[in-house]
């Protein structure tokens, strides 16, 4: 869906879906990337179980200081609660220079993907 959004806006995007796996390839991709978009559900914002991802992103930023890390909140049908947003912001704060997108993704809605694309590539 994000590639379709890129096409609609005349841009290009190369996507690598690591499926959350830690591998030599995914680490190399982070070191070479300009942008890492990390989808995150509110229930995944748990420092104790997701610390490896934080460590991997921070290590990549050490080798690639220009890497932009953007977390994107993935919600259900409704908007995330204030408590869920606070938990996600606390999680995002653990990654050097990471930001939280203002766009919240609800499934695979084309409007959400367009909004995310505009936020990422026209900001």
PDB file of N, CA and C in Angstrom:
ATOM      1  N   UNK A   1       0.808  -1.195   0.000  1.00  0.00           N
ATOM      2  CA  UNK A   1       0.000   0.000   0.000  1.00  0.00           C
ATOM      3  C   UNK A   1       0.858   1.269   0.000  1.00  0.00           C
ATOM      4  N   UNK A   2       1.996   1.262   0.685  1.00  0.00           N
ATOM      5  CA  UNK A   2       2.829   2.467   0.705  1.00  0.00           C
ATOM      6  C   UNK A   2       3.459   2.693  -0.664  1.00  0.00           C
ATOM      7  N   UNK A   3       3.752   1.607  -1.404  1.00  0.00           N
ATOM      8  CA  UNK A   3       4.290   1.757  -2.757  1.00  0.00           C
ATOM      9  C   UNK A   3       3.241   2.392  -3.661  1.00  0.00           C
ATOM     10  N   UNK A   4       1.986   1.970  -3.515  1.00  0.00           N
ATOM     11  CA  UNK A   4       0.903   2.578  -4.293  1.00  0.00           C
ATOM     12  C   UNK A   4       0.788   4.066  -3.963  1.00  0.00           C
ATOM     13  N   UNK A   5       0.933   4.409  -2.696  1.00  0.00           N
ATOM     14  CA  UNK A   5       0.901   5.821  -2.302  1.00  0.00           C
ATOM     15  C   UNK A   5       2.072   6.567  -2.931  1.00  0.00           C
ATOM     16  N   UNK A   6       3.248   5.950  -2.955  1.00  0.00           N
ATOM     17  CA  UNK A   6       4.412   6.583  -3.582  1.00  0.00           C
ATOM     18  C   UNK A   6       4.141   6.833  -5.057  1.00  0.00           C
ATOM     19  N   UNK A   7       3.559   5.859  -5.732  1.00  0.00           N
ATOM     20  CA  UNK A   7       3.250   6.020  -7.154  1.00  0.00           C
ATOM     21  C   UNK A   7       2.262   7.153  -7.383  1.00  0.00           C
ATOM     22  N   UNK A   8       1.269   7.271  -6.532  1.00  0.00           N
ATOM     23  CA  UNK A   8       0.277   8.337  -6.682  1.00  0.00           C
ATOM     24  C   UNK A   8       0.894   9.722  -6.495  1.00  0.00           C
ATOM     25  N   UNK A   9       1.981   9.787  -5.740  1.00  0.00           N
ATOM     26  CA  UNK A   9       2.617  11.076  -5.461  1.00  0.00           C
ATOM     27  C   UNK A   9       3.879  11.289  -6.297  1.00  0.00           C
ATOM     28  N   UNK A  10       4.125  10.393  -7.254  1.00  0.00           N
ATOM     29  CA  UNK A  10       5.264  10.552  -8.147  1.00  0.00           C
ATOM     30  C   UNK A  10       6.604  10.242  -7.516  1.00  0.00           C
ATOM     31  N   UNK A  11       6.620   9.518  -6.443  1.00  0.00           N
ATOM     32  CA  UNK A  11       7.862   9.181  -5.762  1.00  0.00           C
ATOM     33  C   UNK A  11       8.206   7.713  -5.900  1.00  0.00           C
ATOM     34  N   UNK A  12       9.278   7.329  -5.265  1.00  0.00           N
ATOM     35  CA  UNK A  12       9.678   5.930  -5.240  1.00  0.00           C
ATOM     36  C   UNK A  12       9.954   5.534  -3.803  1.00  0.00           C
ATOM     37  N   UNK A  13       9.811   4.273  -3.552  1.00  0.00           N
ATOM     38  CA  UNK A  13      10.106   3.745  -2.222  1.00  0.00           C
ATOM     39  C   UNK A  13      10.639   2.332  -2.377  1.00  0.00           C
ATOM     40  N   UNK A  14      11.673   2.020  -1.640  1.00  0.00           N
ATOM     41  CA  UNK A  14      12.181   0.660  -1.574  1.00  0.00           C
ATOM     42  C   UNK A  14      11.869   0.168  -0.176  1.00  0.00           C
ATOM     43  N   UNK A  15      11.091  -0.883  -0.099  1.00  0.00           N
ATOM     44  CA  UNK A  15      10.661  -1.396   1.195  1.00  0.00           C
ATOM     45  C   UNK A  15      11.346  -2.706   1.507  1.00  0.00           C
ATOM     46  N   UNK A  16      11.744  -2.847   2.746  1.00  0.00           N
ATOM     47  CA  UNK A  16      12.298  -4.097   3.238  1.00  0.00           C
ATOM     48  C   UNK A  16      11.509  -4.460   4.479  1.00  0.00           C
ATOM     49  N   UNK A  17      10.820  -5.578   4.415  1.00  0.00           N
ATOM     50  CA  UNK A  17      10.042  -6.036   5.567  1.00  0.00           C
ATOM     51  C   UNK A  17      10.848  -7.108   6.279  1.00  0.00           C
ATOM     52  N   UNK A  18      11.388  -6.768   7.434  1.00  0.00           N
ATOM     53  CA  UNK A  18      12.201  -7.730   8.182  1.00  0.00           C
ATOM     54  C   UNK A  18      11.355  -8.637   9.055  1.00  0.00           C
ATOM     55  N   UNK A  19      10.053  -8.348   9.122  1.00  0.00           N
ATOM     56  CA  UNK A  19       9.132  -9.109   9.966  1.00  0.00           C
ATOM     57  C   UNK A  19       9.617  -9.164  11.411  1.00  0.00           C
ATOM     58  N   UNK A  20      10.353  -8.135  11.820  1.00  0.00           N
ATOM     59  CA  UNK A  20      10.823  -8.059  13.198  1.00  0.00           C
ATOM     60  C   UNK A  20      12.005  -8.952  13.516  1.00  0.00           C
ATOM     61  N   UNK A  21      12.550  -9.587  12.508  1.00  0.00           N
ATOM     62  CA  UNK A  21      13.679 -10.500  12.742  1.00  0.00           C
ATOM     63  C   UNK A  21      14.991  -9.732  12.807  1.00  0.00           C
ATOM     64  N   UNK A  22      15.876 -10.223  13.638  1.00  0.00           N
ATOM     65  CA  UNK A  22      17.211  -9.669  13.745  1.00  0.00           C
ATOM     66  C   UNK A  22      18.139 -10.573  12.953  1.00  0.00           C
ATOM     67  N   UNK A  23      18.756 -10.026  11.921  1.00  0.00           N
ATOM     68  CA  UNK A  23      19.694 -10.801  11.109  1.00  0.00           C
ATOM     69  C   UNK A  23      20.804  -9.870  10.646  1.00  0.00           C
ATOM     70  N   UNK A  24      21.876 -10.456  10.139  1.00  0.00           N
ATOM     71  CA  UNK A  24      22.967  -9.642   9.607  1.00  0.00           C
ATOM     72  C   UNK A  24      22.461  -8.771   8.459  1.00  0.00           C
ATOM     73  N   UNK A  25      21.569  -9.328   7.650  1.00  0.00           N
ATOM     74  CA  UNK A  25      21.021  -8.574   6.521  1.00  0.00           C
ATOM     75  C   UNK A  25      20.202  -7.374   6.991  1.00  0.00           C
ATOM     76  N   UNK A  26      19.338  -7.592   8.000  1.00  0.00           N
ATOM     77  CA  UNK A  26      18.497  -6.483   8.462  1.00  0.00           C
ATOM     78  C   UNK A  26      19.341  -5.393   9.119  1.00  0.00           C
ATOM     79  N   UNK A  27      20.414  -5.783   9.780  1.00  0.00           N
ATOM     80  CA  UNK A  27      21.304  -4.776  10.369  1.00  0.00           C
ATOM     81  C   UNK A  27      22.006  -3.970   9.280  1.00  0.00           C
ATOM     82  N   UNK A  28      22.458  -4.666   8.227  1.00  0.00           N
ATOM     83  CA  UNK A  28      23.107  -3.978   7.106  1.00  0.00           C
ATOM     84  C   UNK A  28      22.127  -3.034   6.412  1.00  0.00           C
ATOM     85  N   UNK A  29      20.892  -3.460   6.279  1.00  0.00           N
ATOM     86  CA  UNK A  29      19.875  -2.609   5.651  1.00  0.00           C
ATOM     87  C   UNK A  29      19.639  -1.346   6.471  1.00  0.00           C
ATOM     88  N   UNK A  30      19.629  -1.473   7.792  1.00  0.00           N
ATOM     89  CA  UNK A  30      19.450  -0.294   8.642  1.00  0.00           C
ATOM     90  C   UNK A  30      20.625   0.669   8.520  1.00  0.00           C
ATOM     91  N   UNK A  31      21.823   0.128   8.391  1.00  0.00           N
ATOM     92  CA  UNK A  31      23.003   0.980   8.265  1.00  0.00           C
ATOM     93  C   UNK A  31      22.991   1.729   6.931  1.00  0.00           C
ATOM     94  N   UNK A  32      22.416   1.114   5.891  1.00  0.00           N
ATOM     95  CA  UNK A  32      22.378   1.740   4.564  1.00  0.00           C
ATOM     96  C   UNK A  32      21.143   2.614   4.339  1.00  0.00           C
ATOM     97  N   UNK A  33      20.140   2.485   5.163  1.00  0.00           N
ATOM     98  CA  UNK A  33      18.856   3.156   4.928  1.00  0.00           C
ATOM     99  C   UNK A  33      18.900   4.641   5.259  1.00  0.00           C
ATOM    100  N   UNK A  34      18.001   5.379   4.629  1.00  0.00           N
ATOM    101  CA  UNK A  34      17.784   6.778   4.997  1.00  0.00           C
ATOM    102  C   UNK A  34      16.654   6.888   6.006  1.00  0.00           C
ATOM    103  N   UNK A  35      15.741   5.916   5.966  1.00  0.00           N
ATOM    104  CA  UNK A  35      14.551   5.963   6.807  1.00  0.00           C
ATOM    105  C   UNK A  35      14.157   4.556   7.225  1.00  0.00           C
ATOM    106  N   UNK A  36      13.880   4.389   8.499  1.00  0.00           N
ATOM    107  CA  UNK A  36      13.304   3.138   9.013  1.00  0.00           C
ATOM    108  C   UNK A  36      11.924   3.473   9.560  1.00  0.00           C
ATOM    109  N   UNK A  37      10.904   2.876   8.962  1.00  0.00           N
ATOM    110  CA  UNK A  37       9.534   3.055   9.437  1.00  0.00           C
ATOM    111  C   UNK A  37       9.189   1.818  10.248  1.00  0.00           C
ATOM    112  N   UNK A  38       8.869   2.019  11.508  1.00  0.00           N
ATOM    113  CA  UNK A  38       8.622   0.908  12.424  1.00  0.00           C
ATOM    114  C   UNK A  38       7.160   0.937  12.863  1.00  0.00           C
ATOM    115  N   UNK A  39       6.339   0.015  12.336  1.00  0.00           N
ATOM    116  CA  UNK A  39       4.947  -0.041  12.800  1.00  0.00           C
ATOM    117  C   UNK A  39       4.905  -0.591  14.218  1.00  0.00           C
ATOM    118  N   UNK A  40       4.040  -0.031  15.032  1.00  0.00           N
ATOM    119  CA  UNK A  40       3.979  -0.437  16.433  1.00  0.00           C
ATOM    120  C   UNK A  40       2.544  -0.377  16.930  1.00  0.00           C
ATOM    121  N   UNK A  41       2.058  -1.502  17.423  1.00  0.00           N
ATOM    122  CA  UNK A  41       0.738  -1.537  18.056  1.00  0.00           C
ATOM    123  C   UNK A  41       0.913  -1.126  19.513  1.00  0.00           C
ATOM    124  N   UNK A  42      -0.104  -0.527  20.111  1.00  0.00           N
ATOM    125  CA  UNK A  42       0.037  -0.082  21.505  1.00  0.00           C
ATOM    126  C   UNK A  42       0.469  -1.198  22.457  1.00  0.00           C
ATOM    127  N   UNK A  43      -0.006  -2.412  22.242  1.00  0.00           N
ATOM    128  CA  UNK A  43       0.362  -3.502  23.151  1.00  0.00           C
ATOM    129  C   UNK A  43       1.789  -3.999  22.929  1.00  0.00           C
ATOM    130  N   UNK A  44       2.473  -3.507  21.898  1.00  0.00           N
ATOM    131  CA  UNK A  44       3.863  -3.884  21.652  1.00  0.00           C
ATOM    132  C   UNK A  44       4.848  -2.910  22.294  1.00  0.00           C
ATOM    133  N   UNK A  45       4.363  -1.846  22.864  1.00  0.00           N
ATOM    134  CA  UNK A  45       5.227  -0.828  23.465  1.00  0.00           C
ATOM    135  C   UNK A  45       5.636  -1.244  24.868  1.00  0.00           C
ATOM    136  N   UNK A  46       6.281  -2.376  24.949  1.00  0.00           N
ATOM    137  CA  UNK A  46       6.709  -2.951  26.221  1.00  0.00           C
ATOM    138  C   UNK A  46       8.231  -3.059  26.201  1.00  0.00           C
ATOM    139  N   UNK A  47       8.882  -2.236  26.997  1.00  0.00           N
ATOM    140  CA  UNK A  47      10.342  -2.193  26.986  1.00  0.00           C
ATOM    141  C   UNK A  47      10.987  -3.521  27.329  1.00  0.00           C
ATOM    142  N   UNK A  48      10.379  -4.276  28.211  1.00  0.00           N
ATOM    143  CA  UNK A  48      11.011  -5.519  28.655  1.00  0.00           C
ATOM    144  C   UNK A  48      11.019  -6.588  27.567  1.00  0.00           C
ATOM    145  N   UNK A  49      10.015  -6.610  26.708  1.00  0.00           N
ATOM    146  CA  UNK A  49       9.967  -7.656  25.687  1.00  0.00           C
ATOM    147  C   UNK A  49      10.478  -7.184  24.332  1.00  0.00           C
ATOM    148  N   UNK A  50      10.568  -5.890  24.109  1.00  0.00           N
ATOM    149  CA  UNK A  50      10.977  -5.369  22.801  1.00  0.00           C
ATOM    150  C   UNK A  50      12.304  -4.610  22.872  1.00  0.00           C
ATOM    151  N   UNK A  51      13.090  -4.868  23.910  1.00  0.00           N
ATOM    152  CA  UNK A  51      14.334  -4.136  24.077  1.00  0.00           C
ATOM    153  C   UNK A  51      15.310  -4.404  22.933  1.00  0.00           C
ATOM    154  N   UNK A  52      15.298  -5.609  22.372  1.00  0.00           N
ATOM    155  CA  UNK A  52      16.240  -5.931  21.294  1.00  0.00           C
ATOM    156  C   UNK A  52      16.048  -5.016  20.087  1.00  0.00           C
ATOM    157  N   UNK A  53      14.807  -4.679  19.782  1.00  0.00           N
ATOM    158  CA  UNK A  53      14.559  -3.767  18.666  1.00  0.00           C
ATOM    159  C   UNK A  53      15.142  -2.388  18.964  1.00  0.00           C
ATOM    160  N   UNK A  54      14.947  -1.912  20.175  1.00  0.00           N
ATOM    161  CA  UNK A  54      15.504  -0.614  20.567  1.00  0.00           C
ATOM    162  C   UNK A  54      17.022  -0.638  20.432  1.00  0.00           C
ATOM    163  N   UNK A  55      17.651  -1.687  20.927  1.00  0.00           N
ATOM    164  CA  UNK A  55      19.109  -1.809  20.854  1.00  0.00           C
ATOM    165  C   UNK A  55      19.578  -1.862  19.403  1.00  0.00           C
ATOM    166  N   UNK A  56      18.865  -2.591  18.558  1.00  0.00           N
ATOM    167  CA  UNK A  56      19.234  -2.709  17.145  1.00  0.00           C
ATOM    168  C   UNK A  56      19.121  -1.352  16.434  1.00  0.00           C
ATOM    169  N   UNK A  57      18.057  -0.615  16.707  1.00  0.00           N
ATOM    170  CA  UNK A  57      17.893   0.700  16.086  1.00  0.00           C
ATOM    171  C   UNK A  57      18.946   1.685  16.585  1.00  0.00           C
ATOM    172  N   UNK A  58      19.247   1.658  17.875  1.00  0.00           N
ATOM    173  CA  UNK A  58      20.278   2.549  18.415  1.00  0.00           C
ATOM    174  C   UNK A  58      21.651   2.207  17.850  1.00  0.00           C
ATOM    175  N   UNK A  59      21.947   0.925  17.687  1.00  0.00           N
ATOM    176  CA  UNK A  59      23.224   0.513  17.095  1.00  0.00           C
ATOM    177  C   UNK A  59      23.317   0.989  15.646  1.00  0.00           C
ATOM    178  N   UNK A  60      22.232   0.876  14.909  1.00  0.00           N
ATOM    179  CA  UNK A  60      22.227   1.336  13.518  1.00  0.00           C
ATOM    180  C   UNK A  60      22.487   2.837  13.448  1.00  0.00           C
ATOM    181  N   UNK A  61      21.912   3.594  14.377  1.00  0.00           N
ATOM    182  CA  UNK A  61      22.118   5.048  14.388  1.00  0.00           C
ATOM    183  C   UNK A  61      23.576   5.397  14.704  1.00  0.00           C
ATOM    184  N   UNK A  62      24.268   4.548  15.440  1.00  0.00           N
ATOM    185  CA  UNK A  62      25.685   4.794  15.727  1.00  0.00           C
ATOM    186  C   UNK A  62      26.502   4.729  14.430  1.00  0.00           C
ATOM    187  N   UNK A  63      26.178   3.768  13.556  1.00  0.00           N
ATOM    188  CA  UNK A  63      26.891   3.603  12.292  1.00  0.00           C
ATOM    189  C   UNK A  63      26.332   4.498  11.189  1.00  0.00           C
ATOM    190  N   UNK A  64      25.084   4.902  11.326  1.00  0.00           N
ATOM    191  CA  UNK A  64      24.403   5.698  10.314  1.00  0.00           C
ATOM    192  C   UNK A  64      23.678   6.853  11.014  1.00  0.00           C
ATOM    193  N   UNK A  65      24.415   7.902  11.383  1.00  0.00           N
ATOM    194  CA  UNK A  65      23.798   9.001  12.126  1.00  0.00           C
ATOM    195  C   UNK A  65      22.670   9.695  11.366  1.00  0.00           C
ATOM    196  N   UNK A  66      22.644   9.562  10.041  1.00  0.00           N
ATOM    197  CA  UNK A  66      21.593  10.184   9.246  1.00  0.00           C
ATOM    198  C   UNK A  66      20.312   9.373   9.173  1.00  0.00           C
ATOM    199  N   UNK A  67      20.310   8.195   9.768  1.00  0.00           N
ATOM    200  CA  UNK A  67      19.125   7.336   9.726  1.00  0.00           C
ATOM    201  C   UNK A  67      17.975   7.999  10.471  1.00  0.00           C
ATOM    202  N   UNK A  68      16.870   8.149   9.788  1.00  0.00           N
ATOM    203  CA  UNK A  68      15.653   8.679  10.412  1.00  0.00           C
ATOM    204  C   UNK A  68      14.809   7.490  10.840  1.00  0.00           C
ATOM    205  N   UNK A  69      14.458   7.436  12.107  1.00  0.00           N
ATOM    206  CA  UNK A  69      13.630   6.352  12.638  1.00  0.00           C
ATOM    207  C   UNK A  69      12.260   6.937  12.959  1.00  0.00           C
ATOM    208  N   UNK A  70      11.250   6.416  12.276  1.00  0.00           N
ATOM    209  CA  UNK A  70       9.890   6.901  12.440  1.00  0.00           C
ATOM    210  C   UNK A  70       8.996   5.747  12.866  1.00  0.00           C
ATOM    211  N   UNK A  71       8.464   5.845  14.062  1.00  0.00           N
ATOM    212  CA  UNK A  71       7.504   4.851  14.535  1.00  0.00           C
ATOM    213  C   UNK A  71       6.115   5.273  14.081  1.00  0.00           C
ATOM    214  N   UNK A  72       5.322   4.304  13.667  1.00  0.00           N
ATOM    215  CA  UNK A  72       3.958   4.564  13.221  1.00  0.00           C
ATOM    216  C   UNK A  72       3.025   3.725  14.070  1.00  0.00           C
ATOM    217  N   UNK A  73       2.106   4.382  14.722  1.00  0.00           N
ATOM    218  CA  UNK A  73       1.135   3.699  15.575  1.00  0.00           C
ATOM    219  C   UNK A  73       0.099   2.999  14.703  1.00  0.00           C
ATOM    220  N   UNK A  74      -0.071   1.714  14.936  1.00  0.00           N
ATOM    221  CA  UNK A  74      -1.058   0.913  14.213  1.00  0.00           C
ATOM    222  C   UNK A  74      -2.184   0.624  15.181  1.00  0.00           C
ATOM    223  N   UNK A  75      -3.341   1.195  14.896  1.00  0.00           N
ATOM    224  CA  UNK A  75      -4.483   1.044  15.785  1.00  0.00           C
ATOM    225  C   UNK A  75      -5.546   0.145  15.196  1.00  0.00           C
ATOM    226  N   UNK A  76      -6.543  -0.106  15.979  1.00  0.00           N
ATOM    227  CA  UNK A  76      -7.693  -0.869  15.520  1.00  0.00           C
ATOM    228  C   UNK A  76      -8.665   0.056  14.821  1.00  0.00           C
ATOM    229  N   UNK A  77      -9.929  -0.240  14.957  1.00  0.00           N
ATOM    230  CA  UNK A  77     -10.960   0.564  14.295  1.00  0.00           C
ATOM    231  C   UNK A  77     -11.047   1.968  14.890  1.00  0.00           C
ATOM    232  N   UNK A  78     -10.817   2.078  16.200  1.00  0.00           N
ATOM    233  CA  UNK A  78     -10.910   3.378  16.865  1.00  0.00           C
ATOM    234  C   UNK A  78      -9.544   3.994  17.066  1.00  0.00           C
ATOM    235  N   UNK A  79      -9.559   5.185  17.608  1.00  0.00           N
ATOM    236  CA  UNK A  79      -8.312   5.880  17.910  1.00  0.00           C
ATOM    237  C   UNK A  79      -7.690   5.308  19.184  1.00  0.00           C
ATOM    238  N   UNK A  80      -6.355   5.292  19.278  1.00  0.00           N
ATOM    239  CA  UNK A  80      -5.704   4.844  20.510  1.00  0.00           C
ATOM    240  C   UNK A  80      -6.058   5.769  21.672  1.00  0.00           C
ATOM    241  N   UNK A  81      -6.106   5.211  22.863  1.00  0.00           N
ATOM    242  CA  UNK A  81      -6.401   6.008  24.050  1.00  0.00           C
ATOM    243  C   UNK A  81      -5.193   6.879  24.398  1.00  0.00           C
ATOM    244  N   UNK A  82      -5.403   7.846  25.271  1.00  0.00           N
ATOM    245  CA  UNK A  82      -4.299   8.693  25.720  1.00  0.00           C
ATOM    246  C   UNK A  82      -3.229   7.865  26.417  1.00  0.00           C
ATOM    247  N   UNK A  83      -3.647   6.867  27.196  1.00  0.00           N
ATOM    248  CA  UNK A  83      -2.690   6.005  27.897  1.00  0.00           C
ATOM    249  C   UNK A  83      -1.871   5.185  26.901  1.00  0.00           C
ATOM    250  N   UNK A  84      -2.514   4.683  25.848  1.00  0.00           N
ATOM    251  CA  UNK A  84      -1.782   3.919  24.829  1.00  0.00           C
ATOM    252  C   UNK A  84      -0.789   4.813  24.097  1.00  0.00           C
ATOM    253  N   UNK A  85      -1.213   6.018  23.766  1.00  0.00           N
ATOM    254  CA  UNK A  85      -0.300   6.954  23.099  1.00  0.00           C
ATOM    255  C   UNK A  85       0.896   7.296  23.995  1.00  0.00           C
ATOM    256  N   UNK A  86       0.644   7.473  25.283  1.00  0.00           N
ATOM    257  CA  UNK A  86       1.726   7.784  26.228  1.00  0.00           C
ATOM    258  C   UNK A  86       2.716   6.630  26.316  1.00  0.00           C
ATOM    259  N   UNK A  87       2.216   5.398  26.338  1.00  0.00           N
ATOM    260  CA  UNK A  87       3.095   4.225  26.394  1.00  0.00           C
ATOM    261  C   UNK A  87       3.950   4.137  25.137  1.00  0.00           C
ATOM    262  N   UNK A  88       3.360   4.409  23.998  1.00  0.00           N
ATOM    263  CA  UNK A  88       4.106   4.371  22.740  1.00  0.00           C
ATOM    264  C   UNK A  88       5.147   5.489  22.709  1.00  0.00           C
ATOM    265  N   UNK A  89       4.790   6.692  23.142  1.00  0.00           N
ATOM    266  CA  UNK A  89       5.760   7.801  23.177  1.00  0.00           C
ATOM    267  C   UNK A  89       6.944   7.462  24.087  1.00  0.00           C
ATOM    268  N   UNK A  90       6.681   6.831  25.231  1.00  0.00           N
ATOM    269  CA  UNK A  90       7.761   6.438  26.145  1.00  0.00           C
ATOM    270  C   UNK A  90       8.677   5.412  25.485  1.00  0.00           C
ATOM    271  N   UNK A  91       8.088   4.509  24.727  1.00  0.00           N
ATOM    272  CA  UNK A  91       8.870   3.492  24.011  1.00  0.00           C
ATOM    273  C   UNK A  91       9.740   4.158  22.941  1.00  0.00           C
ATOM    274  N   UNK A  92       9.138   5.031  22.149  1.00  0.00           N
ATOM    275  CA  UNK A  92       9.850   5.718  21.070  1.00  0.00           C
ATOM    276  C   UNK A  92      11.006   6.541  21.628  1.00  0.00           C
ATOM    277  N   UNK A  93      10.842   7.115  22.797  1.00  0.00           N
ATOM    278  CA  UNK A  93      11.878   7.952  23.411  1.00  0.00           C
ATOM    279  C   UNK A  93      13.151   7.173  23.720  1.00  0.00           C
ATOM    280  N   UNK A  94      13.084   5.858  23.732  1.00  0.00           N
ATOM    281  CA  UNK A  94      14.256   5.037  24.023  1.00  0.00           C
ATOM    282  C   UNK A  94      15.187   4.903  22.822  1.00  0.00           C
ATOM    283  N   UNK A  95      14.732   5.304  21.643  1.00  0.00           N
ATOM    284  CA  UNK A  95      15.548   5.219  20.430  1.00  0.00           C
ATOM    285  C   UNK A  95      16.067   6.615  20.099  1.00  0.00           C
ATOM    286  N   UNK A  96      17.375   6.721  19.895  1.00  0.00           N
ATOM    287  CA  UNK A  96      18.004   8.014  19.624  1.00  0.00           C
ATOM    288  C   UNK A  96      17.344   8.726  18.450  1.00  0.00           C
ATOM    289  N   UNK A  97      16.902   9.937  18.666  1.00  0.00           N
ATOM    290  CA  UNK A  97      16.344  10.806  17.626  1.00  0.00           C
ATOM    291  C   UNK A  97      15.146  10.224  16.888  1.00  0.00           C
ATOM    292  N   UNK A  98      14.485   9.245  17.453  1.00  0.00           N
ATOM    293  CA  UNK A  98      13.297   8.675  16.809  1.00  0.00           C
ATOM    294  C   UNK A  98      12.109   9.600  17.012  1.00  0.00           C
ATOM    295  N   UNK A  99      11.169   9.515  16.095  1.00  0.00           N
ATOM    296  CA  UNK A  99       9.947  10.300  16.208  1.00  0.00           C
ATOM    297  C   UNK A  99       8.743   9.388  16.021  1.00  0.00           C
ATOM    298  N   UNK A 100       7.617   9.878  16.477  1.00  0.00           N
ATOM    299  CA  UNK A 100       6.353   9.160  16.320  1.00  0.00           C
ATOM    300  C   UNK A 100       5.529   9.907  15.286  1.00  0.00           C
ATOM    301  N   UNK A 101       5.107   9.200  14.250  1.00  0.00           N
ATOM    302  CA  UNK A 101       4.293   9.818  13.200  1.00  0.00           C
ATOM    303  C   UNK A 101       2.979  10.302  13.790  1.00  0.00           C
ATOM    304  N   UNK A 102       2.485  11.391  13.266  1.00  0.00           N
ATOM    305  CA  UNK A 102       1.171  11.856  13.708  1.00  0.00           C
ATOM    306  C   UNK A 102       0.057  11.037  13.063  1.00  0.00           C
ATOM    307  N   UNK A 103       0.372  10.384  11.946  1.00  0.00           N
ATOM    308  CA  UNK A 103      -0.592   9.519  11.267  1.00  0.00           C
ATOM    309  C   UNK A 103      -0.726   8.211  12.023  1.00  0.00           C
ATOM    310  N   UNK A 104      -1.949   7.773  12.252  1.00  0.00           N
ATOM    311  CA  UNK A 104      -2.226   6.461  12.847  1.00  0.00           C
ATOM    312  C   UNK A 104      -2.808   5.592  11.743  1.00  0.00           C
ATOM    313  N   UNK A 105      -2.240   4.406  11.576  1.00  0.00           N
ATOM    314  CA  UNK A 105      -2.706   3.492  10.532  1.00  0.00           C
ATOM    315  C   UNK A 105      -3.822   2.622  11.094  1.00  0.00           C
ATOM    316  N   UNK A 106      -4.908   2.550  10.354  1.00  0.00           N
ATOM    317  CA  UNK A 106      -6.055   1.706  10.718  1.00  0.00           C
ATOM    318  C   UNK A 106      -6.231   0.678   9.608  1.00  0.00           C
ATOM    319  N   UNK A 107      -5.605  -0.475   9.755  1.00  0.00           N
ATOM    320  CA  UNK A 107      -5.705  -1.488   8.708  1.00  0.00           C
ATOM    321  C   UNK A 107      -4.938  -1.048   7.476  1.00  0.00           C
ATOM    322  N   UNK A 108      -5.503  -1.329   6.306  1.00  0.00           N
ATOM    323  CA  UNK A 108      -4.829  -0.982   5.055  1.00  0.00           C
ATOM    324  C   UNK A 108      -5.616   0.066   4.281  1.00  0.00           C
ATOM    325  N   UNK A 109      -6.100   1.061   4.974  1.00  0.00           N
ATOM    326  CA  UNK A 109      -6.867   2.123   4.338  1.00  0.00           C
ATOM    327  C   UNK A 109      -5.955   2.960   3.439  1.00  0.00           C
ATOM    328  N   UNK A 110      -6.311   3.115   2.156  1.00  0.00           N
ATOM    329  CA  UNK A 110      -5.489   3.938   1.261  1.00  0.00           C
ATOM    330  C   UNK A 110      -5.286   5.361   1.777  1.00  0.00           C
ATOM    331  N   UNK A 111      -6.295   5.941   2.404  1.00  0.00           N
ATOM    332  CA  UNK A 111      -6.155   7.307   2.926  1.00  0.00           C
ATOM    333  C   UNK A 111      -5.082   7.369   4.012  1.00  0.00           C
ATOM    334  N   UNK A 112      -5.010   6.336   4.859  1.00  0.00           N
ATOM    335  CA  UNK A 112      -3.978   6.294   5.896  1.00  0.00           C
ATOM    336  C   UNK A 112      -2.592   6.206   5.266  1.00  0.00           C
ATOM    337  N   UNK A 113      -2.453   5.372   4.236  1.00  0.00           N
ATOM    338  CA  UNK A 113      -1.162   5.214   3.567  1.00  0.00           C
ATOM    339  C   UNK A 113      -0.756   6.515   2.866  1.00  0.00           C
ATOM    340  N   UNK A 114      -1.712   7.184   2.222  1.00  0.00           N
ATOM    341  CA  UNK A 114      -1.405   8.473   1.594  1.00  0.00           C
ATOM    342  C   UNK A 114      -0.954   9.489   2.635  1.00  0.00           C
ATOM    343  N   UNK A 115      -1.647   9.538   3.758  1.00  0.00           N
ATOM    344  CA  UNK A 115      -1.284  10.480   4.823  1.00  0.00           C
ATOM    345  C   UNK A 115       0.108  10.176   5.358  1.00  0.00           C
ATOM    346  N   UNK A 116       0.412   8.898   5.552  1.00  0.00           N
ATOM    347  CA  UNK A 116       1.739   8.518   6.038  1.00  0.00           C
ATOM    348  C   UNK A 116       2.800   8.878   5.009  1.00  0.00           C
ATOM    349  N   UNK A 117       2.537   8.594   3.747  1.00  0.00           N
ATOM    350  CA  UNK A 117       3.505   8.923   2.700  1.00  0.00           C
ATOM    351  C   UNK A 117       3.790  10.423   2.690  1.00  0.00           C
ATOM    352  N   UNK A 118       2.742  11.221   2.744  1.00  0.00           N
ATOM    353  CA  UNK A 118       2.933  12.677   2.752  1.00  0.00           C
ATOM    354  C   UNK A 118       3.734  13.114   3.976  1.00  0.00           C
ATOM    355  N   UNK A 119       3.451  12.512   5.126  1.00  0.00           N
ATOM    356  CA  UNK A 119       4.175  12.882   6.345  1.00  0.00           C
ATOM    357  C   UNK A 119       5.649  12.522   6.243  1.00  0.00           C
ATOM    358  N   UNK A 120       5.944  11.367   5.663  1.00  0.00           N
ATOM    359  CA  UNK A 120       7.325  10.892   5.585  1.00  0.00           C
ATOM    360  C   UNK A 120       8.122  11.645   4.525  1.00  0.00           C
ATOM    361  N   UNK A 121       7.555  11.805   3.346  1.00  0.00           N
ATOM    362  CA  UNK A 121       8.348  12.282   2.218  1.00  0.00           C
ATOM    363  C   UNK A 121       8.152  13.743   1.843  1.00  0.00           C
ATOM    364  N   UNK A 122       7.196  14.416   2.431  1.00  0.00           N
ATOM    365  CA  UNK A 122       7.045  15.831   2.096  1.00  0.00           C
ATOM    366  C   UNK A 122       7.340  16.728   3.288  1.00  0.00           C
ATOM    367  N   UNK A 123       7.736  16.120   4.389  1.00  0.00           N
ATOM    368  CA  UNK A 123       8.049  16.910   5.591  1.00  0.00           C
ATOM    369  C   UNK A 123       9.453  17.464   5.517  1.00  0.00           C
TER     370      UNK A 123
END
